[in-house]
Each structure stands twice: as structure tokens, then as C-alpha cells.
Protein backbone atom coordinates (compact mmCIF):
# COMPACT_ATOMS: atom_id res chain seq x y z
CA MET A 1 -53.56 99.27 -53.30
CA LYS A 2 -53.28 100.33 -56.80
CA ALA A 3 -55.64 97.67 -58.26
CA ILE A 4 -57.95 98.45 -55.62
CA PHE A 5 -58.02 102.12 -56.50
CA LEU A 6 -57.83 102.02 -60.15
CA THR A 7 -60.61 99.32 -60.37
CA ALA A 8 -62.90 101.81 -58.67
CA LEU A 9 -61.87 104.79 -60.30
CA CYS A 10 -62.35 102.73 -63.81
CA THR A 11 -65.82 101.38 -63.07
CA LEU A 12 -67.31 104.57 -61.36
CA PHE A 13 -66.45 107.41 -59.04
CA ILE A 14 -68.56 109.28 -56.72
CA PHE A 15 -68.44 112.28 -54.72
CA VAL A 16 -70.18 111.37 -51.36
CA SER A 17 -71.14 113.48 -48.17
CA CYS A 18 -69.77 113.04 -44.87
CA GLY A 19 -72.84 111.59 -43.73
CA ASN A 20 -72.60 108.90 -45.86
CA SER A 21 -68.93 108.08 -46.02
CA ASN A 22 -68.96 105.55 -43.24
CA ASN A 23 -72.06 103.55 -44.55
CA THR A 24 -70.44 100.65 -46.03
CA LYS A 25 -73.83 99.98 -47.99
CA GLN A 26 -74.16 100.62 -51.44
CA GLU A 27 -77.12 101.89 -53.10
CA THR A 28 -78.21 102.38 -56.23
CA VAL A 29 -79.49 105.53 -57.85
CA THR A 30 -81.87 105.54 -61.08
CA ASP A 31 -83.85 108.02 -62.92
CA ASN A 32 -85.10 108.35 -66.61
CA ASN A 33 -82.49 111.10 -67.61
CA THR A 34 -79.07 109.62 -66.50
CA ALA A 35 -77.30 106.13 -66.20
CA GLU A 36 -77.46 103.81 -62.98
CA ILE A 37 -75.48 105.52 -60.43
CA THR A 38 -73.82 103.17 -57.41
CA PRO A 39 -72.53 105.37 -54.55
CA LEU A 40 -68.85 104.36 -53.66
CA GLN A 41 -66.95 104.55 -50.29
CA LEU A 42 -64.24 106.74 -49.89
CA SER A 43 -61.16 104.91 -49.12
CA GLU A 44 -58.78 106.43 -46.73
CA ASN A 45 -56.69 107.93 -49.42
CA GLU A 46 -59.32 109.87 -51.28
CA LYS A 47 -61.21 113.05 -49.60
CA ALA A 48 -64.30 114.83 -51.03
CA ASN A 49 -65.40 118.12 -49.72
CA ASN A 50 -68.60 119.95 -51.21
CA TYR A 51 -68.52 124.06 -50.89
CA ASP A 52 -71.00 126.84 -51.18
CA VAL A 53 -69.63 129.64 -52.86
CA VAL A 54 -70.74 133.31 -52.40
CA TYR A 55 -69.24 136.45 -54.33
CA LEU A 56 -69.49 139.95 -52.54
CA VAL A 57 -68.21 142.52 -53.36
CA SER A 58 -67.70 146.56 -51.47
CA ASP A 59 -68.50 149.82 -52.94
CA THR A 60 -64.70 150.44 -53.35
CA GLY A 61 -64.31 147.51 -55.34
CA GLU A 62 -62.44 145.07 -53.30
CA TYR A 63 -64.56 141.52 -53.30
CA ILE A 64 -64.69 138.05 -51.85
CA ASN A 65 -65.32 134.72 -52.68
CA SER A 66 -66.37 132.64 -49.74
CA GLU A 67 -66.01 128.94 -50.19
CA ILE A 68 -67.56 127.18 -47.01
CA ALA A 69 -67.91 123.55 -46.61
CA GLN A 70 -70.87 121.88 -45.98
CA ASN A 71 -69.77 118.34 -44.71
CA GLU A 72 -68.41 118.54 -41.13
CA ASN A 73 -65.37 116.84 -41.46
CA GLY A 74 -62.97 120.06 -39.73
CA ASN A 75 -62.21 121.30 -43.25
CA PHE A 76 -64.38 124.55 -43.16
CA GLY A 77 -62.99 126.33 -46.31
CA VAL A 78 -61.45 129.32 -47.56
CA ILE A 79 -61.83 133.17 -47.90
CA TYR A 80 -60.53 134.61 -51.46
CA TYR A 81 -60.05 138.34 -50.86
CA ARG A 82 -59.10 140.71 -53.85
CA ASP A 83 -58.08 144.18 -53.38
CA ILE A 84 -58.32 147.06 -55.42
CA ASN A 85 -55.14 146.56 -56.93
CA GLN A 86 -55.71 143.18 -57.63
CA ASN A 87 -54.02 141.18 -55.28
CA LEU A 88 -55.17 138.06 -53.83
CA ASN A 89 -55.16 137.25 -50.18
CA THR A 90 -56.40 133.50 -49.15
CA PHE A 91 -57.76 133.40 -45.85
CA ASN A 92 -58.26 129.66 -44.31
CA VAL A 93 -61.39 129.50 -42.33
CA THR A 94 -60.51 128.19 -38.54
CA LYS A 95 -64.11 128.85 -37.56
CA ALA A 96 -67.50 128.89 -39.65
CA GLY A 97 -70.41 129.40 -37.14
CA GLU A 98 -74.01 128.42 -38.43
CA LEU A 99 -75.60 130.37 -41.15
CA ASP A 100 -77.36 133.75 -39.71
CA GLU A 101 -75.90 132.75 -36.32
CA GLY A 102 -72.28 132.32 -36.21
CA ASN A 103 -68.97 134.29 -37.26
CA ILE A 104 -66.13 133.37 -39.36
CA SER A 105 -62.58 133.39 -38.28
CA ALA A 106 -59.97 133.10 -40.86
CA VAL A 107 -55.98 133.42 -41.17
CA SER A 108 -53.86 133.73 -44.12
CA TYR A 109 -50.49 131.84 -44.97
CA ASP A 110 -48.57 135.39 -44.12
CA ASN A 111 -50.55 135.68 -40.84
CA LYS A 112 -53.11 138.49 -41.78
CA THR A 113 -56.44 137.62 -40.11
CA LEU A 114 -60.32 137.86 -41.17
CA GLU A 115 -62.92 138.26 -38.74
CA GLY A 116 -66.72 138.87 -39.32
CA ASN A 117 -70.52 137.29 -40.04
CA PHE A 118 -71.46 134.69 -41.88
CA PRO A 119 -70.96 135.26 -45.38
CA SER A 120 -74.41 135.41 -47.40
CA ILE A 121 -75.73 137.00 -49.99
CA ALA A 122 -79.11 137.60 -47.65
CA TYR A 123 -77.09 140.57 -45.57
CA PRO A 124 -74.03 142.23 -45.68
CA PHE A 125 -71.05 140.76 -44.79
CA VAL A 126 -69.12 143.33 -42.24
CA ALA A 127 -65.49 142.15 -41.62
CA LYS A 128 -62.37 143.32 -40.38
CA ILE A 129 -59.67 142.28 -42.91
CA ASP A 130 -55.99 142.59 -41.32
CA GLY A 131 -57.61 145.47 -38.70
CA LYS A 132 -59.38 147.27 -41.86
CA GLU A 133 -63.01 147.11 -41.33
CA MET A 134 -64.85 146.48 -44.78
CA THR A 135 -68.84 145.89 -45.71
CA PHE A 136 -69.47 143.35 -48.79
CA LYS A 137 -72.60 142.95 -50.46
CA ALA A 138 -74.41 140.85 -52.87
CA ALA A 139 -74.33 141.69 -56.52
CA LYS A 140 -77.68 142.33 -58.52
CA THR A 141 -77.31 139.22 -60.63
CA PRO A 142 -79.51 136.40 -61.41
CA VAL A 143 -76.55 134.11 -60.09
CA THR A 144 -76.96 133.68 -56.75
CA GLY A 145 -73.40 131.83 -55.97
CA ALA A 146 -72.08 128.42 -57.07
CA LYS A 147 -71.22 124.98 -55.79
CA ILE A 148 -67.64 123.39 -55.77
CA ILE A 149 -67.44 119.50 -55.63
CA GLU A 150 -63.81 118.63 -55.12
CA TYR A 151 -62.04 115.44 -54.77
CA THR A 152 -58.48 114.67 -53.61
CA TYR A 153 -56.60 111.51 -53.83
CA SER A 154 -53.09 111.23 -52.43
CA ASN A 155 -50.69 108.23 -51.82
CA VAL A 156 -47.32 107.66 -50.70
CA SER A 157 -44.57 105.43 -52.60
CA PRO A 158 -43.43 102.21 -50.53
CA LYS A 159 -39.50 103.14 -51.24
CA SER A 160 -38.89 103.60 -47.29
CA ASP A 161 -35.52 105.18 -47.97
CA ASP A 162 -37.17 108.31 -49.87
CA PRO A 163 -40.94 108.16 -50.01
CA ARG A 164 -42.16 110.36 -52.75
CA VAL A 165 -45.72 112.00 -52.65
CA PHE A 166 -48.58 111.69 -55.44
CA GLN A 167 -51.50 114.03 -54.88
CA PHE A 168 -54.25 114.56 -57.37
CA LYS A 169 -56.97 117.30 -56.80
CA THR A 170 -60.05 118.60 -58.97
CA ALA A 171 -63.17 119.90 -58.45
CA ILE A 172 -66.37 120.26 -60.53
CA PHE A 173 -67.37 124.25 -60.55
CA ALA A 174 -71.51 124.67 -61.37
CA LEU A 175 -73.19 128.46 -61.09
CA ASN A 176 -76.53 128.13 -59.13
CA ASN A 177 -79.34 128.09 -61.13
CA ASP A 178 -82.11 128.54 -59.47
CA SER A 179 -84.23 130.12 -62.37
CA LYS A 180 -83.45 127.20 -64.24
CA SER A 181 -82.04 129.37 -67.30
CA ALA A 182 -80.61 127.77 -70.14
CA ASN A 183 -77.87 130.21 -70.25
CA ILE A 184 -76.40 129.34 -66.91
CA ASP A 185 -77.04 125.66 -68.21
CA LYS A 186 -74.96 126.26 -71.06
CA ILE A 187 -71.89 127.92 -69.11
CA ASN A 188 -71.96 125.08 -66.64
CA LEU A 189 -71.41 122.85 -69.51
CA ASP A 190 -68.89 124.71 -70.98
CA ILE A 191 -66.96 125.02 -67.45
CA ASN A 192 -66.71 121.55 -66.72
CA LYS A 193 -66.69 120.05 -70.13
CA ASP A 194 -63.04 118.39 -69.17
CA PHE A 195 -65.30 116.10 -67.40
CA GLY A 196 -67.63 115.01 -70.27
CA ILE A 197 -71.07 116.16 -68.60
CA THR A 198 -73.41 116.60 -71.26
CA ASP A 199 -76.72 116.54 -68.97
CA VAL A 200 -77.28 119.68 -67.20
CA ILE A 201 -79.87 118.59 -64.52
CA THR A 202 -76.29 117.29 -63.41
CA PHE A 203 -75.65 121.01 -62.49
CA ASN A 204 -79.32 121.85 -60.89
CA ASP A 205 -79.88 118.51 -58.93
CA PRO A 206 -77.26 118.55 -55.60
CA THR A 207 -77.89 114.77 -55.32
CA LYS A 208 -76.91 114.02 -58.74
CA LEU A 209 -74.17 116.58 -58.30
CA LEU A 210 -72.67 114.58 -55.56
CA THR A 211 -73.06 111.23 -57.19
CA ALA A 212 -71.93 111.90 -60.66
CA GLN A 213 -70.57 108.91 -62.39
CA SER A 214 -66.81 108.25 -63.70
CA LEU A 215 -66.09 112.08 -63.43
CA ILE A 216 -62.42 111.77 -62.51
CA SER A 217 -61.13 108.40 -63.99
CA ASN A 218 -59.83 109.77 -67.35
CA LYS A 219 -57.83 112.43 -65.66
CA MET A 220 -56.60 110.60 -62.86
CA THR A 221 -55.54 107.06 -64.00
CA PRO A 222 -53.00 108.08 -66.57
CA ILE A 223 -51.13 110.15 -64.33
CA TYR A 224 -51.26 108.06 -61.39
CA ASP A 225 -49.87 105.05 -63.94
CA GLU A 226 -46.93 107.14 -64.66
CA TRP A 227 -46.25 107.73 -61.23
CA VAL A 228 -45.99 104.03 -60.51
CA LYS A 229 -44.35 103.02 -64.23
CA SER A 230 -41.65 105.42 -63.30
CA ASP A 231 -40.48 103.55 -60.06
CA TYR A 232 -41.84 106.93 -58.23
CA ILE A 233 -38.96 108.90 -59.50
CA SER A 234 -41.08 111.96 -58.36
CA HIS A 235 -43.06 113.87 -56.06
CA ILE A 236 -46.28 114.46 -58.60
CA GLU A 237 -48.99 117.14 -57.15
CA ASN A 238 -51.26 117.94 -59.55
CA TYR A 239 -53.93 120.82 -58.87
CA SER A 240 -56.89 122.04 -60.89
CA SER A 241 -59.36 123.11 -58.30
CA GLN A 242 -58.97 126.40 -57.20
CA PHE A 243 -62.20 128.35 -58.49
CA GLY A 244 -63.36 131.91 -57.77
CA ILE A 245 -65.69 134.46 -59.02
CA ASP A 246 -64.01 137.82 -60.23
CA TYR A 247 -67.27 139.58 -61.02
CA LEU A 248 -70.97 138.80 -61.26
CA SER A 249 -73.72 141.28 -62.76
CA GLU A 250 -76.85 141.09 -64.49
CA LYS A 251 -75.09 140.75 -67.61
CA VAL A 252 -72.14 138.88 -67.15
CA VAL A 253 -70.02 136.62 -64.76
CA SER A 254 -66.40 136.20 -64.76
CA ILE A 255 -65.03 133.09 -63.18
CA ASN A 256 -60.92 132.09 -62.57
CA LYS A 257 -59.59 128.78 -62.02
CA LEU A 258 -55.97 127.95 -60.99
CA VAL A 259 -54.43 125.11 -62.38
CA TYR A 260 -51.28 124.14 -60.88
CA GLU A 261 -48.54 121.07 -61.29
CA TYR A 262 -45.28 120.02 -59.60
CA THR A 263 -43.40 117.04 -61.10
CA GLY A 264 -40.13 117.75 -59.26
CA GLY A 265 -37.43 120.57 -59.59
CA ALA A 266 -37.07 123.95 -58.16
CA HIS A 267 -40.66 124.83 -58.62
CA GLY A 268 -43.87 124.03 -59.85
CA ASN A 269 -45.73 125.29 -62.73
CA TYR A 270 -49.27 127.17 -62.36
CA ALA A 271 -51.58 129.21 -64.39
CA THR A 272 -54.91 130.94 -63.58
CA VAL A 273 -57.45 130.77 -66.36
CA ASN A 274 -59.85 133.06 -66.63
CA SER A 275 -63.26 132.86 -68.34
CA VAL A 276 -65.94 135.47 -69.20
CA TYR A 277 -69.31 134.50 -69.93
CA SER A 278 -72.24 136.66 -71.11
CA LEU A 279 -75.41 136.10 -68.83
CA GLU A 280 -77.58 137.03 -71.91
CA ASN A 281 -77.07 133.90 -74.14
CA GLY A 282 -74.51 131.88 -72.07
CA ASN A 283 -71.62 132.26 -74.74
CA LYS A 284 -67.80 132.54 -73.70
CA LEU A 285 -66.70 136.40 -74.42
CA LYS A 286 -63.30 136.70 -76.09
CA ILE A 287 -61.29 139.98 -75.54
CA GLU A 288 -61.67 140.95 -79.32
CA ASP A 289 -65.30 140.55 -78.54
CA LEU A 290 -65.12 143.53 -76.15
CA ILE A 291 -62.28 145.65 -77.71
CA ILE A 292 -62.40 147.76 -81.02
CA ASP A 293 -58.65 147.51 -82.21
CA LEU A 294 -56.19 145.30 -80.03
CA LYS A 295 -53.30 147.04 -81.62
CA SER A 296 -54.44 150.54 -80.89
CA ALA A 297 -51.34 151.92 -79.61
CA ASP A 298 -53.25 154.52 -77.48
CA LEU A 299 -54.18 151.45 -75.29
CA ILE A 300 -51.28 149.41 -75.60
CA LYS A 301 -49.47 152.80 -74.22
CA LEU A 302 -52.37 153.24 -71.77
CA ILE A 303 -51.39 149.36 -70.33
CA VAL A 304 -47.66 149.61 -70.66
CA ASP A 305 -47.80 152.74 -68.60
CA LYS A 306 -49.57 150.92 -65.78
CA LEU A 307 -47.37 147.83 -65.83
CA VAL A 308 -44.19 149.70 -65.04
CA LYS A 309 -45.84 151.53 -62.12
CA ILE A 310 -46.63 148.35 -60.30
CA GLU A 311 -45.26 148.28 -56.94
CA GLY A 312 -41.79 147.11 -57.30
CA ARG A 313 -41.24 147.07 -60.91
CA ASP A 314 -40.00 149.10 -63.62
CA ALA A 315 -39.42 148.56 -67.68
CA ASN A 316 -36.86 146.58 -66.64
CA SER A 317 -38.97 144.04 -65.08
CA TYR A 318 -40.35 142.71 -67.98
CA PHE A 319 -39.11 141.52 -71.79
CA GLY A 320 -40.49 142.51 -74.96
CA LEU A 321 -42.72 145.59 -73.66
CA ASP A 322 -42.16 147.47 -76.90
CA GLU A 323 -43.92 144.40 -78.57
CA ILE A 324 -46.49 143.57 -76.27
CA SER A 325 -50.04 141.90 -77.68
CA LEU A 326 -53.53 141.95 -76.49
CA GLU A 327 -54.54 139.28 -78.93
CA ASN A 328 -55.97 136.53 -77.13
CA ASN A 329 -55.29 137.95 -73.72
CA ASN A 330 -56.33 136.04 -70.52
CA PHE A 331 -58.25 138.93 -69.11
CA TYR A 332 -61.10 139.44 -66.75
CA LEU A 333 -64.04 141.87 -65.51
CA THR A 334 -64.21 143.21 -62.01
CA SER A 335 -66.73 145.75 -60.84
CA LYS A 336 -64.34 148.42 -61.32
CA GLY A 337 -63.14 147.68 -64.83
CA LEU A 338 -61.42 145.09 -67.33
CA VAL A 339 -58.17 143.45 -66.19
CA PHE A 340 -55.42 142.43 -68.54
CA THR A 341 -53.43 139.22 -67.46
CA TRP A 342 -50.28 137.69 -68.31
CA GLY A 343 -49.14 134.48 -67.17
CA ILE A 344 -45.36 133.32 -65.82
CA TYR A 345 -42.73 133.60 -68.48
CA GLU A 346 -45.17 135.84 -70.92
CA ILE A 347 -44.04 139.01 -70.44
CA GLY A 348 -41.39 138.73 -67.54
CA PRO A 349 -39.17 136.21 -65.57
CA TYR A 350 -41.09 133.28 -63.14
CA ALA A 351 -40.05 135.35 -60.48
CA ILE A 352 -42.48 138.06 -61.05
CA GLY A 353 -45.40 135.59 -61.36
CA GLU A 354 -48.48 136.41 -62.87
CA THR A 355 -49.01 139.87 -63.69
CA ARG A 356 -52.67 141.92 -63.53
CA VAL A 357 -53.27 145.40 -64.76
CA LEU A 358 -56.81 146.84 -64.05
CA ILE A 359 -58.06 149.45 -66.80
CA PRO A 360 -60.69 151.22 -64.68
CA THR A 361 -64.18 151.43 -66.44
CA GLU A 362 -64.03 155.19 -67.82
CA GLU A 363 -60.56 154.66 -69.09
CA ILE A 364 -61.40 151.49 -70.95
CA LYS A 365 -64.84 152.49 -71.97
CA PRO A 366 -63.15 154.50 -75.34
CA TYR A 367 -61.66 150.95 -76.24
CA LEU A 368 -64.93 149.02 -75.99
CA LYS A 369 -67.31 148.23 -79.06
CA ASP A 370 -70.83 149.70 -78.62
CA GLU A 371 -72.51 146.99 -77.53
CA TYR A 372 -70.21 146.43 -74.31
CA LYS A 373 -69.91 150.37 -73.20
CA ALA A 374 -72.62 149.31 -70.50
CA ILE A 375 -71.13 146.06 -69.45
CA PHE A 376 -69.90 147.26 -66.14
CA GLU A 377 -73.51 148.75 -65.28
């Protein structure tokens, strides 16, 4: 199995739609801009999903990311809902009706429910989330949403006495670029730079996006080889594919990516990587681009005061609050303000998880550089 799998990966890799997955005949696709692409049938150990991403926000600042699969394989997708306190709820969609006709039903891991019409930028999304009725609308922005092309490979070791699992999961995330904006092209290239994609046409042509060549072998092969050479001593799960949009406006887009890895032991390690881009020039923004003085005592005190008021926490929940630094902070934006974040172990133990503090628009404005004071408008 290993030889067949690695040969396929090292030769080329393909994301295919469900409609082509049962077609054993290979085709060749060529054009003037890209090398020859040969579609490859997925093995029983491989899965590919194509999701449409829609970002919708409520008047009170809660927002959702609807990620619905376009291939009919029983995996409808998920809806990520983040409340005003930046708590994330993940709802697995159990029913997805036809666009403009059907409804959505979803349930979370802790048995919360979500019901509503099909999420779309064309009309409001009226939902009932855990019994609370809410309305979400599309933001005013040149970006209509995004696409996720997700690939998963899994295998089980031949050690029948104690079988070990290998699972690798990754994805391409590309903002829709109906306007053919060079700035959005620039952002898509940066988001997916680990795949080595240099042709922006790949992101703007669904056919090319679904038939991209050799996108995963450089990331997949070494991890799989190490697992085999180790005599399958550990469970290996490597995720890097949970994407979402935290903010969309006429000026900026804020994107998150969850990276998770488990190689045995008590728990896995994870991190959310946030990226904020200017839609006006395609540049990625750093925290020092926005804030006048990252060492401002008033700003740091404001943040620390909010940290100790997070529900279920106090000053003893953290370590080093008196030396907290905002430099290189993994921040993101929402329609209601700027969110400072810290990963596991950064300012507290693993048990408290990642930490987020929302500084509302009017509170953060005094600390913003003049050119960014209107970034939330």
C-alpha cells in the first residue's frame, strides 16, 4: 500500500470531485499557462471535499462561517459560530437543502442545535442557535466568500495486536475573486504559500483548483515515511485545514487557520494562526502596523483588566501578567473591534487553552495609528 501511495503522491496529486471519483479513465488537461495535469483517482484511503465558505455577521457582532460541501458524499460540512465574547461553537451540518430552497440543520459536539435557511450572501440567514433566534447578513465587501479544497489521507498499521492510526489532513483556502482583483490574488498566494503555488489563475479557475498538481507530496511524504520507519510506534494525526473568516469589510479581511498535531501522549498540540490582510493593497498587516505604541502602559492595563475578568478566570489563572508583551501578537479583527490572542502556554497553562480578548472599537481607537482609525467602518 505504501509503495502505491507514495508513487502516486510523488508523481502528482489531485483533488477530484465526487462525480469523477468513480471514473477510472485518466484524462489530460493542458493550457498555455500551466504544466500538464493528469487527474488521479482517489484510493479508498483518500478523501477530498470541496467547500463553499460564506461569512455572515449579525448587528450585535456575532458571526458565522458556513462551509458547505459541494460534492454529494454525505459530508455536508460545518457552521462555525463565534459569539460576542469570541467563544467558538462548531456545528456539524446534518442536513443541507438546495440553495434558495432548503434549510440547514446542525448539531455541536455538546448537543447544541442550529436551524435556519440555507446560508447565502444573497439574503439574510435567519437562524435559531441553541434556541436563540438570530439574523446574519453579508458584509459590504468586494469578497463574496471563499473556497476550501480539503484532502485527507488515513491508514492503519498492520500491527493487529495494537494497531496505530495515521491521519493527515490539509487544505487550500482561496478567497473568491469575481472582480479579478490583483490584491485578492496576492492574498491567496500568501495564504497558500506553503503549497508553492505561483500561478494565481489556479485560484480563480475552479477546474484548476480541483486539479492542482503535486500540492501535498512535499508535506505528506516525510510524515508518512517517519511513521512507517518508526515501526508504527505512535498514533499520528496532523491537521492544518480548519479555516474561517473573522472579518470582511471593504478594507480588510481577517482569516484564521487551526493547526493541530497529535503524535501520542496525554494530548495533542494546537494553534490558531490569524492573518489580517488589507484589501486595498493585498499586504498582510502586523500588530505594529496598527498600534501606535505596543508598550503603552494604558493599553496593557486595559488588556490585563479584561484578561482577569474572563469568566472562570482571575489573576492566578495566568503567569507573567506583569510582563505581558503585545509585540508580535497573533491578533485578528471583527466587526466590533480588535482581538488580542495568546496560544497555549504563552500566558497560562495548557488547561486554559487559547486566550482571546476583544477590545471594542471605541476603546481601541485611541491606540490606533491615524490611517487605521477607520478600519472598522
